Amino acid sequence: MANESKQNGRFQVKRIYEQYDDSDGTRILVDRLWPRGVAKSAARLDGWLKEIAPSPELRQWFGHRPERFAEFARKYEWELSTDETKRALVGELLSLSGTVTLLYAAKDERHNHAVVLCEFLRRMG
């Protein structure tokens, strides 16, 4: 999914463990926790919006279980729409120009919050 997303629009997703590329544009980490094994100096980030990640309760409920992804996506989009802090951060992301790469650490490239966030931003933008 990550490679498919990279081809569609100015918002794209990428695992933080993938190699940096000039086409990444603005690189924003959207995980609440810093990814294991990644040196901050090597991440080449333009920002870290940890508060835009799903609430700890929602993240724990989801548990990266693909069968819960549709419900997770619905609940996370509700958080993005109703939580004041998350709404402000969505606005910050929408105000950026050029390509914006949302970086995440999850192993599953299809069932993770960055994919949901990317689609949300595409609809909003």
PDB file of N, CA and C in Angstrom:
ATOM      1  N   MET A   1       0.820  -1.199   0.000  1.00  0.00           N
ATOM      2  CA  MET A   1       0.000   0.000   0.000  1.00  0.00           C
ATOM      3  C   MET A   1       0.854   1.249   0.000  1.00  0.00           C
ATOM      4  N   ALA A   2       1.967   1.217   0.677  1.00  0.00           N
ATOM      5  CA  ALA A   2       2.805   2.410   0.760  1.00  0.00           C
ATOM      6  C   ALA A   2       3.215   2.875  -0.625  1.00  0.00           C
ATOM      7  N   ASN A   3       3.651   1.964  -1.460  1.00  0.00           N
ATOM      8  CA  ASN A   3       4.071   2.365  -2.795  1.00  0.00           C
ATOM      9  C   ASN A   3       2.900   2.867  -3.620  1.00  0.00           C
ATOM     10  N   GLU A   4       1.716   2.248  -3.462  1.00  0.00           N
ATOM     11  CA  GLU A   4       0.532   2.738  -4.165  1.00  0.00           C
ATOM     12  C   GLU A   4       0.214   4.157  -3.715  1.00  0.00           C
ATOM     13  N   SER A   5       0.267   4.401  -2.416  1.00  0.00           N
ATOM     14  CA  SER A   5      -0.070   5.715  -1.883  1.00  0.00           C
ATOM     15  C   SER A   5       0.883   6.772  -2.395  1.00  0.00           C
ATOM     16  N   LYS A   6       2.135   6.413  -2.575  1.00  0.00           N
ATOM     17  CA  LYS A   6       3.121   7.397  -3.015  1.00  0.00           C
ATOM     18  C   LYS A   6       2.780   7.946  -4.384  1.00  0.00           C
ATOM     19  N   GLN A   7       1.992   7.221  -5.167  1.00  0.00           N
ATOM     20  CA  GLN A   7       1.677   7.639  -6.518  1.00  0.00           C
ATOM     21  C   GLN A   7       0.435   8.532  -6.594  1.00  0.00           C
ATOM     22  N   ASN A   8      -0.220   8.791  -5.458  1.00  0.00           N
ATOM     23  CA  ASN A   8      -1.534   9.397  -5.507  1.00  0.00           C
ATOM     24  C   ASN A   8      -1.623  10.647  -4.631  1.00  0.00           C
ATOM     25  N   GLY A   9      -1.450  11.819  -5.217  1.00  0.00           N
ATOM     26  CA  GLY A   9      -1.663  13.054  -4.484  1.00  0.00           C
ATOM     27  C   GLY A   9      -0.440  13.560  -3.757  1.00  0.00           C
ATOM     28  N   ARG A  10      -0.618  14.703  -3.099  1.00  0.00           N
ATOM     29  CA  ARG A  10       0.533  15.312  -2.431  1.00  0.00           C
ATOM     30  C   ARG A  10       0.796  14.711  -1.068  1.00  0.00           C
ATOM     31  N   PHE A  11      -0.167  13.995  -0.488  1.00  0.00           N
ATOM     32  CA  PHE A  11       0.054  13.277   0.768  1.00  0.00           C
ATOM     33  C   PHE A  11       0.365  11.825   0.445  1.00  0.00           C
ATOM     34  N   GLN A  12       1.379  11.308   1.099  1.00  0.00           N
ATOM     35  CA  GLN A  12       1.770   9.921   0.889  1.00  0.00           C
ATOM     36  C   GLN A  12       2.248   9.333   2.205  1.00  0.00           C
ATOM     37  N   VAL A  13       2.304   8.015   2.277  1.00  0.00           N
ATOM     38  CA  VAL A  13       2.769   7.340   3.490  1.00  0.00           C
ATOM     39  C   VAL A  13       4.008   6.516   3.163  1.00  0.00           C
ATOM     40  N   LYS A  14       4.823   6.322   4.222  1.00  0.00           N
ATOM     41  CA  LYS A  14       6.064   5.569   4.043  1.00  0.00           C
ATOM     42  C   LYS A  14       6.526   5.082   5.414  1.00  0.00           C
ATOM     43  N   ARG A  15       7.010   3.860   5.466  1.00  0.00           N
ATOM     44  CA  ARG A  15       7.596   3.371   6.716  1.00  0.00           C
ATOM     45  C   ARG A  15       8.876   4.155   6.981  1.00  0.00           C
ATOM     46  N   ILE A  16       9.085   4.515   8.222  1.00  0.00           N
ATOM     47  CA  ILE A  16      10.272   5.295   8.575  1.00  0.00           C
ATOM     48  C   ILE A  16      11.548   4.490   8.339  1.00  0.00           C
ATOM     49  N   TYR A  17      11.423   3.180   8.263  1.00  0.00           N
ATOM     50  CA  TYR A  17      12.588   2.315   8.047  1.00  0.00           C
ATOM     51  C   TYR A  17      13.020   2.276   6.577  1.00  0.00           C
ATOM     52  N   GLU A  18      12.177   2.794   5.675  1.00  0.00           N
ATOM     53  CA  GLU A  18      12.550   2.867   4.263  1.00  0.00           C
ATOM     54  C   GLU A  18      13.547   4.002   4.067  1.00  0.00           C
ATOM     55  N   GLN A  19      14.358   3.873   3.043  1.00  0.00           N
ATOM     56  CA  GLN A  19      15.401   4.857   2.782  1.00  0.00           C
ATOM     57  C   GLN A  19      14.815   6.210   2.386  1.00  0.00           C
ATOM     58  N   TYR A  20      15.455   7.272   2.860  1.00  0.00           N
ATOM     59  CA  TYR A  20      15.082   8.634   2.487  1.00  0.00           C
ATOM     60  C   TYR A  20      15.194   8.791   0.974  1.00  0.00           C
ATOM     61  N   ASP A  21      14.288   9.578   0.416  1.00  0.00           N
ATOM     62  CA  ASP A  21      14.328   9.882  -1.009  1.00  0.00           C
ATOM     63  C   ASP A  21      13.984  11.360  -1.176  1.00  0.00           C
ATOM     64  N   ASP A  22      14.618  12.028  -2.127  1.00  0.00           N
ATOM     65  CA  ASP A  22      14.336  13.448  -2.357  1.00  0.00           C
ATOM     66  C   ASP A  22      12.861  13.693  -2.673  1.00  0.00           C
ATOM     67  N   SER A  23      12.188  12.693  -3.258  1.00  0.00           N
ATOM     68  CA  SER A  23      10.779  12.851  -3.612  1.00  0.00           C
ATOM     69  C   SER A  23       9.861  12.810  -2.387  1.00  0.00           C
ATOM     70  N   ASP A  24      10.406  12.539  -1.199  1.00  0.00           N
ATOM     71  CA  ASP A  24       9.596  12.507   0.019  1.00  0.00           C
ATOM     72  C   ASP A  24       9.021  13.879   0.361  1.00  0.00           C
ATOM     73  N   GLY A  25       9.670  14.932  -0.065  1.00  0.00           N
ATOM     74  CA  GLY A  25       9.200  16.271   0.287  1.00  0.00           C
ATOM     75  C   GLY A  25       9.328  16.501   1.783  1.00  0.00           C
ATOM     76  N   THR A  26       8.302  17.054   2.392  1.00  0.00           N
ATOM     77  CA  THR A  26       8.285  17.296   3.831  1.00  0.00           C
ATOM     78  C   THR A  26       7.988  15.985   4.547  1.00  0.00           C
ATOM     79  N   ARG A  27       8.888  15.589   5.444  1.00  0.00           N
ATOM     80  CA  ARG A  27       8.767  14.303   6.149  1.00  0.00           C
ATOM     81  C   ARG A  27       8.293  14.539   7.582  1.00  0.00           C
ATOM     82  N   ILE A  28       7.105  13.977   7.891  1.00  0.00           N
ATOM     83  CA  ILE A  28       6.496  14.160   9.200  1.00  0.00           C
ATOM     84  C   ILE A  28       6.232  12.789   9.827  1.00  0.00           C
ATOM     85  N   LEU A  29       6.808  12.559  11.002  1.00  0.00           N
ATOM     86  CA  LEU A  29       6.517  11.344  11.753  1.00  0.00           C
ATOM     87  C   LEU A  29       5.175  11.523  12.444  1.00  0.00           C
ATOM     88  N   VAL A  30       4.255  10.569  12.252  1.00  0.00           N
ATOM     89  CA  VAL A  30       2.908  10.686  12.821  1.00  0.00           C
ATOM     90  C   VAL A  30       2.633   9.611  13.871  1.00  0.00           C
ATOM     91  N   ASP A  31       3.660   8.966  14.386  1.00  0.00           N
ATOM     92  CA  ASP A  31       3.524   7.989  15.465  1.00  0.00           C
ATOM     93  C   ASP A  31       3.638   8.690  16.816  1.00  0.00           C
ATOM     94  N   ARG A  32       2.935   8.169  17.809  1.00  0.00           N
ATOM     95  CA  ARG A  32       3.005   8.724  19.161  1.00  0.00           C
ATOM     96  C   ARG A  32       4.341   8.392  19.818  1.00  0.00           C
ATOM     97  N   LEU A  33       4.878   7.206  19.532  1.00  0.00           N
ATOM     98  CA  LEU A  33       6.136   6.757  20.125  1.00  0.00           C
ATOM     99  C   LEU A  33       7.249   6.802  19.092  1.00  0.00           C
ATOM    100  N   TRP A  34       8.457   7.099  19.539  1.00  0.00           N
ATOM    101  CA  TRP A  34       9.603   7.105  18.628  1.00  0.00           C
ATOM    102  C   TRP A  34       9.873   5.674  18.171  1.00  0.00           C
ATOM    103  N   PRO A  35      10.105   5.459  16.860  1.00  0.00           N
ATOM    104  CA  PRO A  35      10.328   4.103  16.339  1.00  0.00           C
ATOM    105  C   PRO A  35      11.634   3.480  16.829  1.00  0.00           C
ATOM    106  N   ARG A  36      11.535   2.221  17.191  1.00  0.00           N
ATOM    107  CA  ARG A  36      12.712   1.496  17.674  1.00  0.00           C
ATOM    108  C   ARG A  36      13.781   1.416  16.595  1.00  0.00           C
ATOM    109  N   GLY A  37      15.022   1.581  17.031  1.00  0.00           N
ATOM    110  CA  GLY A  37      16.160   1.380  16.144  1.00  0.00           C
ATOM    111  C   GLY A  37      16.426   2.505  15.161  1.00  0.00           C
ATOM    112  N   VAL A  38      15.727   3.614  15.271  1.00  0.00           N
ATOM    113  CA  VAL A  38      15.921   4.738  14.350  1.00  0.00           C
ATOM    114  C   VAL A  38      16.584   5.880  15.120  1.00  0.00           C
ATOM    115  N   ALA A  39      17.766   6.265  14.679  1.00  0.00           N
ATOM    116  CA  ALA A  39      18.452   7.404  15.295  1.00  0.00           C
ATOM    117  C   ALA A  39      17.772   8.688  14.834  1.00  0.00           C
ATOM    118  N   LYS A  40      17.560   9.597  15.754  1.00  0.00           N
ATOM    119  CA  LYS A  40      16.899  10.855  15.388  1.00  0.00           C
ATOM    120  C   LYS A  40      17.648  11.588  14.293  1.00  0.00           C
ATOM    121  N   SER A  41      18.963  11.515  14.323  1.00  0.00           N
ATOM    122  CA  SER A  41      19.757  12.197  13.298  1.00  0.00           C
ATOM    123  C   SER A  41      19.594  11.544  11.920  1.00  0.00           C
ATOM    124  N   ALA A  42      19.311  10.252  11.885  1.00  0.00           N
ATOM    125  CA  ALA A  42      19.180   9.540  10.612  1.00  0.00           C
ATOM    126  C   ALA A  42      17.768   9.616  10.038  1.00  0.00           C
ATOM    127  N   ALA A  43      16.792  10.034  10.836  1.00  0.00           N
ATOM    128  CA  ALA A  43      15.390  10.023  10.399  1.00  0.00           C
ATOM    129  C   ALA A  43      15.081  11.083   9.344  1.00  0.00           C
ATOM    130  N   ARG A  44      15.852  12.144   9.334  1.00  0.00           N
ATOM    131  CA  ARG A  44      15.658  13.237   8.373  1.00  0.00           C
ATOM    132  C   ARG A  44      14.229  13.755   8.389  1.00  0.00           C
ATOM    133  N   LEU A  45      13.788  14.102   9.577  1.00  0.00           N
ATOM    134  CA  LEU A  45      12.421  14.581   9.765  1.00  0.00           C
ATOM    135  C   LEU A  45      12.338  16.096   9.653  1.00  0.00           C
ATOM    136  N   ASP A  46      11.178  16.539   9.187  1.00  0.00           N
ATOM    137  CA  ASP A  46      10.852  17.959   9.220  1.00  0.00           C
ATOM    138  C   ASP A  46       9.916  18.266  10.386  1.00  0.00           C
ATOM    139  N   GLY A  47       9.362  17.210  10.980  1.00  0.00           N
ATOM    140  CA  GLY A  47       8.484  17.391  12.120  1.00  0.00           C
ATOM    141  C   GLY A  47       8.037  16.067  12.696  1.00  0.00           C
ATOM    142  N   TRP A  48       7.558  16.113  13.933  1.00  0.00           N
ATOM    143  CA  TRP A  48       7.023  14.935  14.614  1.00  0.00           C
ATOM    144  C   TRP A  48       5.736  15.358  15.288  1.00  0.00           C
ATOM    145  N   LEU A  49       4.611  14.906  14.738  1.00  0.00           N
ATOM    146  CA  LEU A  49       3.300  15.266  15.272  1.00  0.00           C
ATOM    147  C   LEU A  49       2.728  14.083  16.051  1.00  0.00           C
ATOM    148  N   LYS A  50       3.296  13.824  17.220  1.00  0.00           N
ATOM    149  CA  LYS A  50       2.878  12.649  17.989  1.00  0.00           C
ATOM    150  C   LYS A  50       1.434  12.742  18.454  1.00  0.00           C
ATOM    151  N   GLU A  51       0.922  13.937  18.642  1.00  0.00           N
ATOM    152  CA  GLU A  51      -0.451  14.094  19.140  1.00  0.00           C
ATOM    153  C   GLU A  51      -1.516  13.819  18.075  1.00  0.00           C
ATOM    154  N   ILE A  52      -1.107  13.687  16.809  1.00  0.00           N
ATOM    155  CA  ILE A  52      -2.089  13.379  15.766  1.00  0.00           C
ATOM    156  C   ILE A  52      -2.352  11.875  15.682  1.00  0.00           C
ATOM    157  N   ALA A  53      -1.533  11.096  16.345  1.00  0.00           N
ATOM    158  CA  ALA A  53      -1.716   9.641  16.366  1.00  0.00           C
ATOM    159  C   ALA A  53      -3.014   9.295  17.101  1.00  0.00           C
ATOM    160  N   PRO A  54      -3.540   8.100  16.870  1.00  0.00           N
ATOM    161  CA  PRO A  54      -4.751   7.693  17.591  1.00  0.00           C
ATOM    162  C   PRO A  54      -4.536   7.731  19.106  1.00  0.00           C
ATOM    163  N   SER A  55      -5.619   7.918  19.826  1.00  0.00           N
ATOM    164  CA  SER A  55      -5.542   7.908  21.291  1.00  0.00           C
ATOM    165  C   SER A  55      -4.977   6.565  21.750  1.00  0.00           C
ATOM    166  N   PRO A  56      -4.315   6.562  22.895  1.00  0.00           N
ATOM    167  CA  PRO A  56      -3.780   5.287  23.406  1.00  0.00           C
ATOM    168  C   PRO A  56      -4.865   4.208  23.542  1.00  0.00           C
ATOM    169  N   GLU A  57      -6.054   4.599  23.957  1.00  0.00           N
ATOM    170  CA  GLU A  57      -7.144   3.632  24.109  1.00  0.00           C
ATOM    171  C   GLU A  57      -7.525   3.011  22.764  1.00  0.00           C
ATOM    172  N   LEU A  58      -7.637   3.845  21.733  1.00  0.00           N
ATOM    173  CA  LEU A  58      -7.995   3.333  20.405  1.00  0.00           C
ATOM    174  C   LEU A  58      -6.873   2.468  19.845  1.00  0.00           C
ATOM    175  N   ARG A  59      -5.660   2.907  20.036  1.00  0.00           N
ATOM    176  CA  ARG A  59      -4.505   2.134  19.534  1.00  0.00           C
ATOM    177  C   ARG A  59      -4.459   0.759  20.200  1.00  0.00           C
ATOM    178  N   GLN A  60      -4.668   0.719  21.506  1.00  0.00           N
ATOM    179  CA  GLN A  60      -4.650  -0.559  22.217  1.00  0.00           C
ATOM    180  C   GLN A  60      -5.804  -1.454  21.778  1.00  0.00           C
ATOM    181  N   TRP A  61      -6.986  -0.881  21.596  1.00  0.00           N
ATOM    182  CA  TRP A  61      -8.134  -1.669  21.149  1.00  0.00           C
ATOM    183  C   TRP A  61      -7.868  -2.290  19.781  1.00  0.00           C
ATOM    184  N   PHE A  62      -7.320  -1.493  18.863  1.00  0.00           N
ATOM    185  CA  PHE A  62      -7.032  -1.973  17.507  1.00  0.00           C
ATOM    186  C   PHE A  62      -5.995  -3.090  17.544  1.00  0.00           C
ATOM    187  N   GLY A  63      -4.899  -2.885  18.227  1.00  0.00           N
ATOM    188  CA  GLY A  63      -3.869  -3.905  18.360  1.00  0.00           C
ATOM    189  C   GLY A  63      -3.315  -4.421  17.050  1.00  0.00           C
ATOM    190  N   HIS A  64      -3.381  -3.634  15.997  1.00  0.00           N
ATOM    191  CA  HIS A  64      -2.896  -4.018  14.660  1.00  0.00           C
ATOM    192  C   HIS A  64      -3.568  -5.290  14.151  1.00  0.00           C
ATOM    193  N   ARG A  65      -4.835  -5.462  14.498  1.00  0.00           N
ATOM    194  CA  ARG A  65      -5.603  -6.625  14.042  1.00  0.00           C
ATOM    195  C   ARG A  65      -6.376  -6.230  12.787  1.00  0.00           C
ATOM    196  N   PRO A  66      -5.996  -6.787  11.634  1.00  0.00           N
ATOM    197  CA  PRO A  66      -6.630  -6.388  10.365  1.00  0.00           C
ATOM    198  C   PRO A  66      -8.151  -6.495  10.370  1.00  0.00           C
ATOM    199  N   GLU A  67      -8.703  -7.456  11.088  1.00  0.00           N
ATOM    200  CA  GLU A  67     -10.165  -7.614  11.108  1.00  0.00           C
ATOM    201  C   GLU A  67     -10.855  -6.446  11.826  1.00  0.00           C
ATOM    202  N   ARG A  68     -10.120  -5.663  12.572  1.00  0.00           N
ATOM    203  CA  ARG A  68     -10.680  -4.491  13.251  1.00  0.00           C
ATOM    204  C   ARG A  68     -10.381  -3.190  12.509  1.00  0.00           C
ATOM    205  N   PHE A  69      -9.723  -3.271  11.361  1.00  0.00           N
ATOM    206  CA  PHE A  69      -9.235  -2.059  10.702  1.00  0.00           C
ATOM    207  C   PHE A  69     -10.362  -1.116  10.273  1.00  0.00           C
ATOM    208  N   ALA A  70     -11.432  -1.631   9.683  1.00  0.00           N
ATOM    209  CA  ALA A  70     -12.513  -0.754   9.213  1.00  0.00           C
ATOM    210  C   ALA A  70     -13.118   0.039  10.375  1.00  0.00           C
ATOM    211  N   GLU A  71     -13.361  -0.632  11.491  1.00  0.00           N
ATOM    212  CA  GLU A  71     -13.902   0.055  12.669  1.00  0.00           C
ATOM    213  C   GLU A  71     -12.871   1.009  13.263  1.00  0.00           C
ATOM    214  N   PHE A  72     -11.619   0.587  13.278  1.00  0.00           N
ATOM    215  CA  PHE A  72     -10.537   1.453  13.748  1.00  0.00           C
ATOM    216  C   PHE A  72     -10.489   2.737  12.911  1.00  0.00           C
ATOM    217  N   ALA A  73     -10.534   2.585  11.580  1.00  0.00           N
ATOM    218  CA  ALA A  73     -10.467   3.749  10.691  1.00  0.00           C
ATOM    219  C   ALA A  73     -11.619   4.707  10.966  1.00  0.00           C
ATOM    220  N   ARG A  74     -12.823   4.172  11.152  1.00  0.00           N
ATOM    221  CA  ARG A  74     -13.981   5.013  11.437  1.00  0.00           C
ATOM    222  C   ARG A  74     -13.782   5.776  12.756  1.00  0.00           C
ATOM    223  N   LYS A  75     -13.319   5.067  13.789  1.00  0.00           N
ATOM    224  CA  LYS A  75     -13.117   5.709  15.090  1.00  0.00           C
ATOM    225  C   LYS A  75     -11.971   6.725  15.049  1.00  0.00           C
ATOM    226  N   TYR A  76     -10.924   6.413  14.323  1.00  0.00           N
ATOM    227  CA  TYR A  76      -9.794   7.349  14.237  1.00  0.00           C
ATOM    228  C   TYR A  76     -10.198   8.603  13.468  1.00  0.00           C
ATOM    229  N   GLU A  77     -10.953   8.448  12.399  1.00  0.00           N
ATOM    230  CA  GLU A  77     -11.429   9.624  11.667  1.00  0.00           C
ATOM    231  C   GLU A  77     -12.334  10.482  12.552  1.00  0.00           C
ATOM    232  N   TRP A  78     -13.112   9.845  13.417  1.00  0.00           N
ATOM    233  CA  TRP A  78     -13.932  10.600  14.361  1.00  0.00           C
ATOM    234  C   TRP A  78     -13.030  11.412  15.292  1.00  0.00           C
ATOM    235  N   GLU A  79     -11.940  10.785  15.790  1.00  0.00           N
ATOM    236  CA  GLU A  79     -10.995  11.520  16.630  1.00  0.00           C
ATOM    237  C   GLU A  79     -10.389  12.694  15.867  1.00  0.00           C
ATOM    238  N   LEU A  80     -10.006  12.474  14.615  1.00  0.00           N
ATOM    239  CA  LEU A  80      -9.401  13.536  13.805  1.00  0.00           C
ATOM    240  C   LEU A  80     -10.370  14.695  13.592  1.00  0.00           C
ATOM    241  N   SER A  81     -11.664  14.390  13.558  1.00  0.00           N
ATOM    242  CA  SER A  81     -12.682  15.415  13.307  1.00  0.00           C
ATOM    243  C   SER A  81     -13.143  16.137  14.556  1.00  0.00           C
ATOM    244  N   THR A  82     -13.018  15.490  15.718  1.00  0.00           N
ATOM    245  CA  THR A  82     -13.624  16.060  16.921  1.00  0.00           C
ATOM    246  C   THR A  82     -12.622  16.494  17.985  1.00  0.00           C
ATOM    247  N   ASP A  83     -11.443  15.917  18.023  1.00  0.00           N
ATOM    248  CA  ASP A  83     -10.439  16.286  19.024  1.00  0.00           C
ATOM    249  C   ASP A  83      -9.785  17.609  18.606  1.00  0.00           C
ATOM    250  N   GLU A  84      -9.838  18.596  19.465  1.00  0.00           N
ATOM    251  CA  GLU A  84      -9.350  19.941  19.126  1.00  0.00           C
ATOM    252  C   GLU A  84      -7.867  19.942  18.737  1.00  0.00           C
ATOM    253  N   THR A  85      -7.045  19.221  19.471  1.00  0.00           N
ATOM    254  CA  THR A  85      -5.613  19.170  19.159  1.00  0.00           C
ATOM    255  C   THR A  85      -5.374  18.500  17.807  1.00  0.00           C
ATOM    256  N   LYS A  86      -6.040  17.384  17.575  1.00  0.00           N
ATOM    257  CA  LYS A  86      -5.868  16.680  16.300  1.00  0.00           C
ATOM    258  C   LYS A  86      -6.356  17.533  15.126  1.00  0.00           C
ATOM    259  N   ARG A  87      -7.478  18.234  15.326  1.00  0.00           N
ATOM    260  CA  ARG A  87      -7.990  19.106  14.262  1.00  0.00           C
ATOM    261  C   ARG A  87      -6.984  20.199  13.915  1.00  0.00           C
ATOM    262  N   ALA A  88      -6.346  20.771  14.922  1.00  0.00           N
ATOM    263  CA  ALA A  88      -5.345  21.813  14.683  1.00  0.00           C
ATOM    264  C   ALA A  88      -4.157  21.241  13.908  1.00  0.00           C
ATOM    265  N   LEU A  89      -3.745  20.022  14.254  1.00  0.00           N
ATOM    266  CA  LEU A  89      -2.613  19.407  13.553  1.00  0.00           C
ATOM    267  C   LEU A  89      -2.979  19.026  12.122  1.00  0.00           C
ATOM    268  N   VAL A  90      -4.212  18.609  11.898  1.00  0.00           N
ATOM    269  CA  VAL A  90      -4.683  18.364  10.526  1.00  0.00           C
ATOM    270  C   VAL A  90      -4.570  19.661   9.734  1.00  0.00           C
ATOM    271  N   GLY A  91      -4.979  20.767  10.327  1.00  0.00           N
ATOM    272  CA  GLY A  91      -4.859  22.066   9.673  1.00  0.00           C
ATOM    273  C   GLY A  91      -3.421  22.413   9.337  1.00  0.00           C
ATOM    274  N   GLU A  92      -2.500  22.117  10.263  1.00  0.00           N
ATOM    275  CA  GLU A  92      -1.075  22.354   9.983  1.00  0.00           C
ATOM    276  C   GLU A  92      -0.611  21.538   8.789  1.00  0.00           C
ATOM    277  N   LEU A  93      -0.995  20.273   8.743  1.00  0.00           N
ATOM    278  CA  LEU A  93      -0.582  19.424   7.622  1.00  0.00           C
ATOM    279  C   LEU A  93      -1.170  19.922   6.307  1.00  0.00           C
ATOM    280  N   LEU A  94      -2.425  20.326   6.328  1.00  0.00           N
ATOM    281  CA  LEU A  94      -3.066  20.822   5.115  1.00  0.00           C
ATOM    282  C   LEU A  94      -2.446  22.130   4.631  1.00  0.00           C
ATOM    283  N   SER A  95      -1.837  22.882   5.543  1.00  0.00           N
ATOM    284  CA  SER A  95      -1.245  24.166   5.159  1.00  0.00           C
ATOM    285  C   SER A  95       0.135  24.002   4.523  1.00  0.00           C
ATOM    286  N   LEU A  96       0.727  22.829   4.637  1.00  0.00           N
ATOM    287  CA  LEU A  96       2.045  22.612   4.046  1.00  0.00           C
ATOM    288  C   LEU A  96       1.933  22.572   2.524  1.00  0.00           C
ATOM    289  N   SER A  97       2.951  23.058   1.855  1.00  0.00           N
ATOM    290  CA  SER A  97       2.925  23.017   0.389  1.00  0.00           C
ATOM    291  C   SER A  97       3.810  21.882  -0.107  1.00  0.00           C
ATOM    292  N   GLY A  98       3.525  21.440  -1.312  1.00  0.00           N
ATOM    293  CA  GLY A  98       4.317  20.375  -1.912  1.00  0.00           C
ATOM    294  C   GLY A  98       3.966  19.009  -1.343  1.00  0.00           C
ATOM    295  N   THR A  99       4.812  18.050  -1.636  1.00  0.00           N
ATOM    296  CA  THR A  99       4.606  16.677  -1.186  1.00  0.00           C
ATOM    297  C   THR A  99       4.845  16.575   0.315  1.00  0.00           C
ATOM    298  N   VAL A 100       3.961  15.859   0.990  1.00  0.00           N
ATOM    299  CA  VAL A 100       4.083  15.610   2.422  1.00  0.00           C
ATOM    300  C   VAL A 100       4.071  14.095   2.626  1.00  0.00           C
ATOM    301  N   THR A 101       5.139  13.581   3.228  1.00  0.00           N
ATOM    302  CA  THR A 101       5.239  12.152   3.507  1.00  0.00           C
ATOM    303  C   THR A 101       4.984  11.922   4.985  1.00  0.00           C
ATOM    304  N   LEU A 102       3.952  11.131   5.256  1.00  0.00           N
ATOM    305  CA  LEU A 102       3.593  10.754   6.619  1.00  0.00           C
ATOM    306  C   LEU A 102       4.345   9.478   6.959  1.00  0.00           C
ATOM    307  N   LEU A 103       5.226   9.566   7.932  1.00  0.00           N
ATOM    308  CA  LEU A 103       6.072   8.432   8.302  1.00  0.00           C
ATOM    309  C   LEU A 103       5.497   7.697   9.505  1.00  0.00           C
ATOM    310  N   TYR A 104       5.593   6.371   9.456  1.00  0.00           N
ATOM    311  CA  TYR A 104       5.074   5.520  10.529  1.00  0.00           C
ATOM    312  C   TYR A 104       5.998   4.322  10.678  1.00  0.00           C
ATOM    313  N   ALA A 105       5.864   3.588  11.790  1.00  0.00           N
ATOM    314  CA  ALA A 105       6.750   2.452  12.053  1.00  0.00           C
ATOM    315  C   ALA A 105       6.070   1.091  11.923  1.00  0.00           C
ATOM    316  N   ALA A 106       4.757   1.045  11.873  1.00  0.00           N
ATOM    317  CA  ALA A 106       4.039  -0.238  11.852  1.00  0.00           C
ATOM    318  C   ALA A 106       4.536  -1.140  10.720  1.00  0.00           C
ATOM    319  N   LYS A 107       4.549  -2.436  10.990  1.00  0.00           N
ATOM    320  CA  LYS A 107       4.984  -3.405   9.982  1.00  0.00           C
ATOM    321  C   LYS A 107       3.949  -3.580   8.874  1.00  0.00           C
ATOM    322  N   ASP A 108       2.680  -3.511   9.224  1.00  0.00           N
ATOM    323  CA  ASP A 108       1.593  -3.712   8.264  1.00  0.00           C
ATOM    324  C   ASP A 108       1.396  -2.419   7.470  1.00  0.00           C
ATOM    325  N   GLU A 109       1.696  -2.475   6.189  1.00  0.00           N
ATOM    326  CA  GLU A 109       1.632  -1.279   5.349  1.00  0.00           C
ATOM    327  C   GLU A 109       0.215  -0.914   4.915  1.00  0.00           C
ATOM    328  N   ARG A 110      -0.740  -1.797   5.129  1.00  0.00           N
ATOM    329  CA  ARG A 110      -2.122  -1.541   4.716  1.00  0.00           C
ATOM    330  C   ARG A 110      -3.037  -1.169   5.883  1.00  0.00           C
ATOM    331  N   HIS A 111      -2.756  -1.727   7.038  1.00  0.00           N
ATOM    332  CA  HIS A 111      -3.645  -1.573   8.192  1.00  0.00           C
ATOM    333  C   HIS A 111      -2.941  -0.796   9.298  1.00  0.00           C
ATOM    334  N   ASN A 112      -2.831   0.503   9.113  1.00  0.00           N
ATOM    335  CA  ASN A 112      -2.202   1.343  10.132  1.00  0.00           C
ATOM    336  C   ASN A 112      -2.805   2.748  10.085  1.00  0.00           C
ATOM    337  N   HIS A 113      -2.577   3.505  11.139  1.00  0.00           N
ATOM    338  CA  HIS A 113      -3.207   4.822  11.253  1.00  0.00           C
ATOM    339  C   HIS A 113      -2.710   5.820  10.216  1.00  0.00           C
ATOM    340  N   ALA A 114      -1.477   5.686   9.742  1.00  0.00           N
ATOM    341  CA  ALA A 114      -0.964   6.637   8.750  1.00  0.00           C
ATOM    342  C   ALA A 114      -1.746   6.541   7.441  1.00  0.00           C
ATOM    343  N   VAL A 115      -2.168   5.341   7.082  1.00  0.00           N
ATOM    344  CA  VAL A 115      -2.983   5.153   5.875  1.00  0.00           C
ATOM    345  C   VAL A 115      -4.320   5.874   6.039  1.00  0.00           C
ATOM    346  N   VAL A 116      -4.928   5.722   7.212  1.00  0.00           N
ATOM    347  CA  VAL A 116      -6.202   6.398   7.496  1.00  0.00           C
ATOM    348  C   VAL A 116      -6.014   7.911   7.464  1.00  0.00           C
ATOM    349  N   LEU A 117      -4.972   8.388   8.109  1.00  0.00           N
ATOM    350  CA  LEU A 117      -4.688   9.822   8.147  1.00  0.00           C
ATOM    351  C   LEU A 117      -4.447  10.370   6.746  1.00  0.00           C
ATOM    352  N   CYS A 118      -3.701   9.651   5.941  1.00  0.00           N
ATOM    353  CA  CYS A 118      -3.412  10.092   4.578  1.00  0.00           C
ATOM    354  C   CYS A 118      -4.698  10.245   3.762  1.00  0.00           C
ATOM    355  N   GLU A 119      -5.574   9.257   3.822  1.00  0.00           N
ATOM    356  CA  GLU A 119      -6.835   9.327   3.087  1.00  0.00           C
ATOM    357  C   GLU A 119      -7.707  10.451   3.613  1.00  0.00           C
ATOM    358  N   PHE A 120      -7.719  10.657   4.915  1.00  0.00           N
ATOM    359  CA  PHE A 120      -8.468  11.751   5.539  1.00  0.00           C
ATOM    360  C   PHE A 120      -7.975  13.096   5.007  1.00  0.00           C
ATOM    361  N   LEU A 121      -6.660  13.277   4.985  1.00  0.00           N
ATOM    362  CA  LEU A 121      -6.073  14.534   4.496  1.00  0.00           C
ATOM    363  C   LEU A 121      -6.382  14.748   3.024  1.00  0.00           C
ATOM    364  N   ARG A 122      -6.347  13.699   2.226  1.00  0.00           N
ATOM    365  CA  ARG A 122      -6.662  13.827   0.803  1.00  0.00           C
ATOM    366  C   ARG A 122      -8.097  14.303   0.608  1.00  0.00           C
ATOM    367  N   ARG A 123      -9.018  13.770   1.411  1.00  0.00           N
ATOM    368  CA  ARG A 123     -10.418  14.203   1.303  1.00  0.00           C
ATOM    369  C   ARG A 123     -10.593  15.649   1.772  1.00  0.00           C
ATOM    370  N   MET A 124      -9.864  16.031   2.818  1.00  0.00           N
ATOM    371  CA  MET A 124      -9.987  17.374   3.370  1.00  0.00           C
ATOM    372  C   MET A 124      -9.327  18.433   2.475  1.00  0.00           C
ATOM    373  N   GLY A 125      -8.239  18.020   1.809  1.00  0.00           N
ATOM    374  CA  GLY A 125      -7.452  18.958   1.030  1.00  0.00           C
ATOM    375  C   GLY A 125      -8.026  19.220  -0.305  1.00  0.00           C
TER     376      GLY A 125
END
